[in-house]
Amino acid sequence: MSESATSGAVGMTVASAFAGMRSVAPVVFRAGCPDCRGRFELAASALRLAIGATSRTTFYSFTCPECGASVRKPAGERIVELLTGGGVSTLRLHSTL
């Protein structure tokens, strides 16, 4: 990085860096329950993501807020990107080999 690119940030405070920014709405994810067929929105804290070595062992899970069922669904690459980017807690599963 050139000196001119960094010299402007020397006197910057956190308050000035975020001046004028509004609060950010929490991320919500749309989901559905295969048991009761309910459709709802869940906060990132209501979801869990498990990343395994293969697509068969990579999934996300949640508890249906309507019927209480434990739901587990496969998570492809795009779903993993969305969930991790939205702050969902992630568990990395390791092989025992």
N, C-alpha and C. Protein backbone atom coordinates (compact mmCIF):
# COMPACT_ATOMS: atom_id res chain seq x y z
N MET A 1 0.84 -1.17 0.00
CA MET A 1 0.00 0.00 0.00
C MET A 1 0.88 1.24 0.00
N SER A 2 0.55 2.22 -0.80
CA SER A 2 1.35 3.43 -0.85
C SER A 2 1.08 4.29 0.38
N GLU A 3 2.02 5.18 0.68
CA GLU A 3 1.87 6.03 1.86
C GLU A 3 0.66 6.94 1.74
N SER A 4 0.37 7.41 0.54
CA SER A 4 -0.77 8.31 0.38
C SER A 4 -2.09 7.60 0.66
N ALA A 5 -2.15 6.30 0.43
CA ALA A 5 -3.38 5.56 0.69
C ALA A 5 -3.62 5.37 2.18
N THR A 6 -2.55 5.32 2.96
CA THR A 6 -2.72 5.10 4.39
C THR A 6 -2.70 6.37 5.20
N SER A 7 -2.11 7.46 4.67
CA SER A 7 -1.96 8.67 5.47
C SER A 7 -3.28 9.32 5.83
N GLY A 8 -4.32 9.15 5.03
CA GLY A 8 -5.61 9.75 5.34
C GLY A 8 -6.32 9.08 6.51
N ALA A 9 -5.96 7.86 6.84
CA ALA A 9 -6.64 7.12 7.89
C ALA A 9 -5.99 7.28 9.25
N VAL A 10 -4.89 8.01 9.34
CA VAL A 10 -4.14 8.12 10.58
C VAL A 10 -4.98 8.71 11.71
N GLY A 11 -5.70 9.80 11.47
CA GLY A 11 -6.46 10.46 12.53
C GLY A 11 -7.89 9.98 12.64
N MET A 12 -8.25 8.93 11.95
CA MET A 12 -9.64 8.48 11.94
C MET A 12 -9.99 7.73 13.23
N THR A 13 -11.14 8.06 13.78
CA THR A 13 -11.63 7.35 14.96
C THR A 13 -12.76 6.41 14.53
N VAL A 14 -13.11 5.51 15.40
CA VAL A 14 -14.22 4.60 15.12
C VAL A 14 -15.50 5.39 14.90
N ALA A 15 -15.72 6.39 15.73
CA ALA A 15 -16.93 7.21 15.62
C ALA A 15 -17.00 7.90 14.26
N SER A 16 -15.87 8.44 13.79
CA SER A 16 -15.90 9.13 12.50
C SER A 16 -16.03 8.14 11.34
N ALA A 17 -15.47 6.96 11.49
CA ALA A 17 -15.55 5.96 10.43
C ALA A 17 -16.99 5.50 10.22
N PHE A 18 -17.76 5.42 11.29
CA PHE A 18 -19.13 4.94 11.21
C PHE A 18 -20.17 6.06 11.26
N ALA A 19 -19.72 7.31 11.20
CA ALA A 19 -20.64 8.45 11.24
C ALA A 19 -21.62 8.38 10.06
N GLY A 20 -22.87 8.59 10.34
CA GLY A 20 -23.87 8.59 9.28
C GLY A 20 -24.43 7.22 8.95
N MET A 21 -23.84 6.16 9.49
CA MET A 21 -24.36 4.82 9.22
C MET A 21 -25.56 4.56 10.10
N ARG A 22 -26.51 3.86 9.55
CA ARG A 22 -27.69 3.48 10.32
C ARG A 22 -27.51 2.07 10.84
N SER A 23 -28.32 1.71 11.79
CA SER A 23 -28.22 0.35 12.31
C SER A 23 -28.64 -0.63 11.22
N VAL A 24 -28.04 -1.79 11.26
CA VAL A 24 -28.28 -2.81 10.25
C VAL A 24 -29.35 -3.77 10.78
N ALA A 25 -30.31 -4.09 9.94
CA ALA A 25 -31.36 -5.04 10.33
C ALA A 25 -30.74 -6.42 10.49
N PRO A 26 -31.20 -7.19 11.47
CA PRO A 26 -30.66 -8.54 11.65
C PRO A 26 -31.01 -9.42 10.44
N VAL A 27 -30.12 -10.36 10.15
CA VAL A 27 -30.33 -11.27 9.03
C VAL A 27 -31.37 -12.31 9.44
N VAL A 28 -32.32 -12.55 8.55
CA VAL A 28 -33.30 -13.62 8.77
C VAL A 28 -33.29 -14.54 7.56
N PHE A 29 -33.56 -15.79 7.80
CA PHE A 29 -33.57 -16.80 6.75
C PHE A 29 -34.96 -17.40 6.64
N ARG A 30 -35.42 -17.59 5.42
CA ARG A 30 -36.71 -18.25 5.19
C ARG A 30 -36.48 -19.74 5.23
N ALA A 31 -37.39 -20.44 5.88
CA ALA A 31 -37.27 -21.89 6.00
C ALA A 31 -38.65 -22.51 5.98
N GLY A 32 -38.67 -23.80 5.83
CA GLY A 32 -39.93 -24.54 5.84
C GLY A 32 -39.76 -25.86 6.57
N CYS A 33 -40.83 -26.32 7.15
CA CYS A 33 -40.82 -27.57 7.90
C CYS A 33 -41.45 -28.68 7.04
N PRO A 34 -40.74 -29.77 6.84
CA PRO A 34 -41.31 -30.87 6.06
C PRO A 34 -42.42 -31.63 6.81
N ASP A 35 -42.46 -31.50 8.13
CA ASP A 35 -43.48 -32.20 8.92
C ASP A 35 -44.83 -31.49 8.88
N CYS A 36 -44.85 -30.22 9.28
CA CYS A 36 -46.13 -29.49 9.35
C CYS A 36 -46.37 -28.60 8.14
N ARG A 37 -45.39 -28.52 7.25
CA ARG A 37 -45.46 -27.68 6.05
C ARG A 37 -45.50 -26.19 6.36
N GLY A 38 -45.12 -25.82 7.57
CA GLY A 38 -45.09 -24.41 7.96
C GLY A 38 -43.98 -23.68 7.23
N ARG A 39 -44.21 -22.40 6.96
CA ARG A 39 -43.23 -21.51 6.34
C ARG A 39 -43.00 -20.36 7.31
N PHE A 40 -41.75 -20.00 7.53
CA PHE A 40 -41.43 -19.00 8.54
C PHE A 40 -40.06 -18.41 8.28
N GLU A 41 -39.71 -17.40 9.06
CA GLU A 41 -38.39 -16.79 9.02
C GLU A 41 -37.69 -17.08 10.33
N LEU A 42 -36.39 -17.38 10.24
CA LEU A 42 -35.59 -17.69 11.43
C LEU A 42 -34.39 -16.76 11.50
N ALA A 43 -34.05 -16.36 12.72
CA ALA A 43 -32.83 -15.59 12.94
C ALA A 43 -31.64 -16.53 12.82
N ALA A 44 -30.47 -15.98 12.58
CA ALA A 44 -29.25 -16.79 12.47
C ALA A 44 -29.02 -17.63 13.72
N SER A 45 -29.41 -17.11 14.86
CA SER A 45 -29.20 -17.84 16.12
C SER A 45 -30.07 -19.09 16.24
N ALA A 46 -31.10 -19.22 15.42
CA ALA A 46 -32.00 -20.38 15.46
C ALA A 46 -31.51 -21.52 14.57
N LEU A 47 -30.47 -21.27 13.79
CA LEU A 47 -29.94 -22.26 12.85
C LEU A 47 -28.57 -22.75 13.28
N ARG A 48 -28.24 -23.96 12.87
CA ARG A 48 -26.91 -24.53 13.08
C ARG A 48 -26.45 -25.12 11.76
N LEU A 49 -25.18 -24.95 11.45
CA LEU A 49 -24.61 -25.48 10.21
C LEU A 49 -23.49 -26.44 10.56
N ALA A 50 -23.52 -27.63 9.98
CA ALA A 50 -22.45 -28.61 10.16
C ALA A 50 -21.80 -28.84 8.81
N ILE A 51 -20.49 -28.64 8.73
CA ILE A 51 -19.77 -28.81 7.49
C ILE A 51 -18.92 -30.06 7.60
N GLY A 52 -19.24 -31.04 6.77
CA GLY A 52 -18.52 -32.30 6.76
C GLY A 52 -17.57 -32.39 5.58
N ALA A 53 -16.96 -33.56 5.43
CA ALA A 53 -16.00 -33.78 4.37
C ALA A 53 -16.66 -33.92 3.00
N THR A 54 -17.95 -34.29 2.97
CA THR A 54 -18.66 -34.48 1.71
C THR A 54 -19.99 -33.75 1.75
N SER A 55 -20.65 -33.71 0.60
CA SER A 55 -21.97 -33.08 0.55
C SER A 55 -22.99 -33.85 1.37
N ARG A 56 -22.76 -35.14 1.58
CA ARG A 56 -23.69 -35.95 2.38
C ARG A 56 -23.58 -35.64 3.87
N THR A 57 -22.46 -35.09 4.28
CA THR A 57 -22.26 -34.79 5.70
C THR A 57 -22.27 -33.29 5.99
N THR A 58 -22.74 -32.50 5.04
CA THR A 58 -22.87 -31.06 5.24
C THR A 58 -24.35 -30.72 5.25
N PHE A 59 -24.80 -30.13 6.35
CA PHE A 59 -26.24 -29.88 6.52
C PHE A 59 -26.47 -28.73 7.48
N TYR A 60 -27.69 -28.22 7.47
CA TYR A 60 -28.09 -27.24 8.48
C TYR A 60 -29.31 -27.78 9.20
N SER A 61 -29.51 -27.30 10.40
CA SER A 61 -30.63 -27.80 11.20
C SER A 61 -31.25 -26.68 12.01
N PHE A 62 -32.50 -26.91 12.39
CA PHE A 62 -33.25 -25.97 13.22
C PHE A 62 -34.44 -26.70 13.82
N THR A 63 -35.06 -26.07 14.79
CA THR A 63 -36.29 -26.59 15.38
C THR A 63 -37.45 -25.78 14.82
N CYS A 64 -38.46 -26.47 14.30
CA CYS A 64 -39.61 -25.79 13.73
C CYS A 64 -40.33 -25.01 14.83
N PRO A 65 -40.51 -23.69 14.64
CA PRO A 65 -41.20 -22.89 15.65
C PRO A 65 -42.70 -23.18 15.72
N GLU A 66 -43.25 -23.85 14.71
CA GLU A 66 -44.69 -24.12 14.70
C GLU A 66 -45.05 -25.46 15.32
N CYS A 67 -44.27 -26.52 15.01
CA CYS A 67 -44.63 -27.85 15.53
C CYS A 67 -43.58 -28.43 16.46
N GLY A 68 -42.40 -27.81 16.54
CA GLY A 68 -41.35 -28.28 17.44
C GLY A 68 -40.50 -29.40 16.89
N ALA A 69 -40.69 -29.78 15.65
CA ALA A 69 -39.90 -30.86 15.04
C ALA A 69 -38.46 -30.42 14.82
N SER A 70 -37.54 -31.36 14.97
CA SER A 70 -36.14 -31.12 14.62
C SER A 70 -36.00 -31.34 13.12
N VAL A 71 -35.50 -30.34 12.43
CA VAL A 71 -35.40 -30.39 10.98
C VAL A 71 -33.92 -30.36 10.60
N ARG A 72 -33.55 -31.23 9.67
CA ARG A 72 -32.18 -31.30 9.16
C ARG A 72 -32.26 -31.35 7.64
N LYS A 73 -31.56 -30.42 6.99
CA LYS A 73 -31.60 -30.33 5.53
C LYS A 73 -30.19 -30.26 4.97
N PRO A 74 -29.97 -30.82 3.78
CA PRO A 74 -28.63 -30.75 3.17
C PRO A 74 -28.27 -29.30 2.81
N ALA A 75 -26.98 -29.01 2.86
CA ALA A 75 -26.51 -27.66 2.54
C ALA A 75 -25.44 -27.74 1.47
N GLY A 76 -25.78 -27.26 0.28
CA GLY A 76 -24.80 -27.17 -0.80
C GLY A 76 -23.90 -25.96 -0.59
N GLU A 77 -23.01 -25.75 -1.53
CA GLU A 77 -22.04 -24.65 -1.41
C GLU A 77 -22.70 -23.30 -1.25
N ARG A 78 -23.73 -23.03 -2.03
CA ARG A 78 -24.40 -21.71 -1.96
C ARG A 78 -25.08 -21.51 -0.61
N ILE A 79 -25.73 -22.54 -0.09
CA ILE A 79 -26.39 -22.45 1.23
C ILE A 79 -25.34 -22.22 2.31
N VAL A 80 -24.22 -22.92 2.23
CA VAL A 80 -23.14 -22.73 3.20
C VAL A 80 -22.66 -21.28 3.17
N GLU A 81 -22.48 -20.72 1.97
CA GLU A 81 -22.06 -19.31 1.84
C GLU A 81 -23.05 -18.37 2.50
N LEU A 82 -24.32 -18.56 2.21
CA LEU A 82 -25.36 -17.69 2.76
C LEU A 82 -25.44 -17.78 4.28
N LEU A 83 -25.41 -19.00 4.79
CA LEU A 83 -25.54 -19.18 6.24
C LEU A 83 -24.32 -18.65 6.99
N THR A 84 -23.12 -18.95 6.51
CA THR A 84 -21.94 -18.45 7.20
C THR A 84 -21.85 -16.93 7.10
N GLY A 85 -22.21 -16.38 5.93
CA GLY A 85 -22.21 -14.93 5.76
C GLY A 85 -23.24 -14.23 6.63
N GLY A 86 -24.30 -14.95 6.97
CA GLY A 86 -25.36 -14.38 7.80
C GLY A 86 -25.16 -14.61 9.29
N GLY A 87 -24.03 -15.19 9.68
CA GLY A 87 -23.72 -15.33 11.09
C GLY A 87 -24.23 -16.59 11.77
N VAL A 88 -24.58 -17.62 11.01
CA VAL A 88 -25.05 -18.88 11.60
C VAL A 88 -23.87 -19.61 12.22
N SER A 89 -24.07 -20.15 13.42
CA SER A 89 -23.02 -20.93 14.10
C SER A 89 -22.67 -22.15 13.27
N THR A 90 -21.37 -22.39 13.12
CA THR A 90 -20.90 -23.46 12.26
C THR A 90 -20.05 -24.45 13.04
N LEU A 91 -20.30 -25.71 12.78
CA LEU A 91 -19.52 -26.81 13.36
C LEU A 91 -18.82 -27.52 12.22
N ARG A 92 -17.53 -27.64 12.29
CA ARG A 92 -16.79 -28.38 11.26
C ARG A 92 -16.57 -29.80 11.75
N LEU A 93 -17.07 -30.74 10.96
CA LEU A 93 -16.93 -32.15 11.30
C LEU A 93 -15.64 -32.68 10.69
N HIS A 94 -14.87 -33.41 11.49
CA HIS A 94 -13.58 -33.95 11.01
C HIS A 94 -13.67 -35.45 10.88
N SER A 95 -12.95 -35.97 9.92
CA SER A 95 -12.87 -37.41 9.71
C SER A 95 -12.05 -38.04 10.81
N THR A 96 -12.40 -39.27 11.19
CA THR A 96 -11.67 -39.97 12.24
C THR A 96 -10.56 -40.83 11.66
N LEU A 97 -10.31 -40.71 10.35
CA LEU A 97 -9.25 -41.50 9.71
C LEU A 97 -7.89 -40.99 10.02
